């Protein structure tokens, strides 16, 4: 059930007591029943609860908050968000299973569907063209099958995953490392607006919280916690994405990794995960097969995955060049050599493919799908 406005103030007030963590908060709930009863309790009662230090107990008794709960609620409402508590019927059930789930969620957008399966897709902020395209295609494939996608709206793989899910008309959830009233990175404002209109934005940080480095490992446990499994597309061995994968394992989630070029240091993270037992996946079908959902042979195996499901008309030359141009960038000289066609004919056909939205030209006369 949903809680009343007065109860929300009490929940938020206890949440804003400095030094009180999620675990101690839940123990207080178990002992006293609710936040309002906690505030009525005496100092001697509070300190008997495991994890509640004397200093924290004094702050609870004196109602010393890091910020005014009522003002905080107004700020949340001003940015069209809301507070969802641990006991609220809208709280994601899967998230309750993790260690130290947040007792308060700041939510913007739609309620997270309880019946939907979610897969997290994470990876490098400075991704390659191959990584971006792969993340977007996997997210699109999952969305087309009714699977939701969770990520962190960071630059690179995260953004590509959200965009792919939205393109596939799916439900995407972004877990951010700032206050719900902020957009980070700033260039993702348009993406954040689309996510909050069609999916959900989630944060456990109070409004105004800046993008401090310490926030992102904290939020990563929610990305994996909301999901049945985590897909790592590109990452170095010491990246935040591998931290998310590690958290996923601790939470009993599946871990998947997309292989990349052995020449790219951004492939070392996924390759390390594969060596350690993560499932090697190339597309949405592989993920769903590993989960035992039995989906096979969808558009992912189609040569030209289109939103409308129709192939563009191609000449024999265009089709030949499209097959040569892969996910990794290929130089025009290599395309000419492999196609055994004249340079002028190749250039003309590549331009046609680019106009049809099937390939793109990168720096240095390189082409990729």
Foldseek 3Di string as FASTA:
>chain_A
DADDPVQQLLLQLLVQQPQQALVQQVQLCVVQVGSVSLQVDDLVVSCVGPRQDSVSSVCSPVSPGPDRSVVLQVVLVVLQKHKDAPPRPLPAPLQVLAPRRQRIKIKFADRADNPAAEEEEDADLPDDLLLLVQLLQQLLVCLLVAHEYEYAPHHDSRVSNLVSNVLNVGAYEHEYLAAPNDDPPPVCPVVVVVNSHRYMYIYSDGHPGDNDVVSLLVSLLVRLSSHQEYEYEWAAQPDSSVSSNVSNVVSVHAYEYEADDPPDNRRHNRVVVVVVPHHYDRHNQSVCVVVVVPDDDDCSPPLDDDSVPDDDDDDPLLVLLLVVAESDWDALVVSCVVVVDDSVVSVVSVVVCVVVVSKDADPPRIIHD
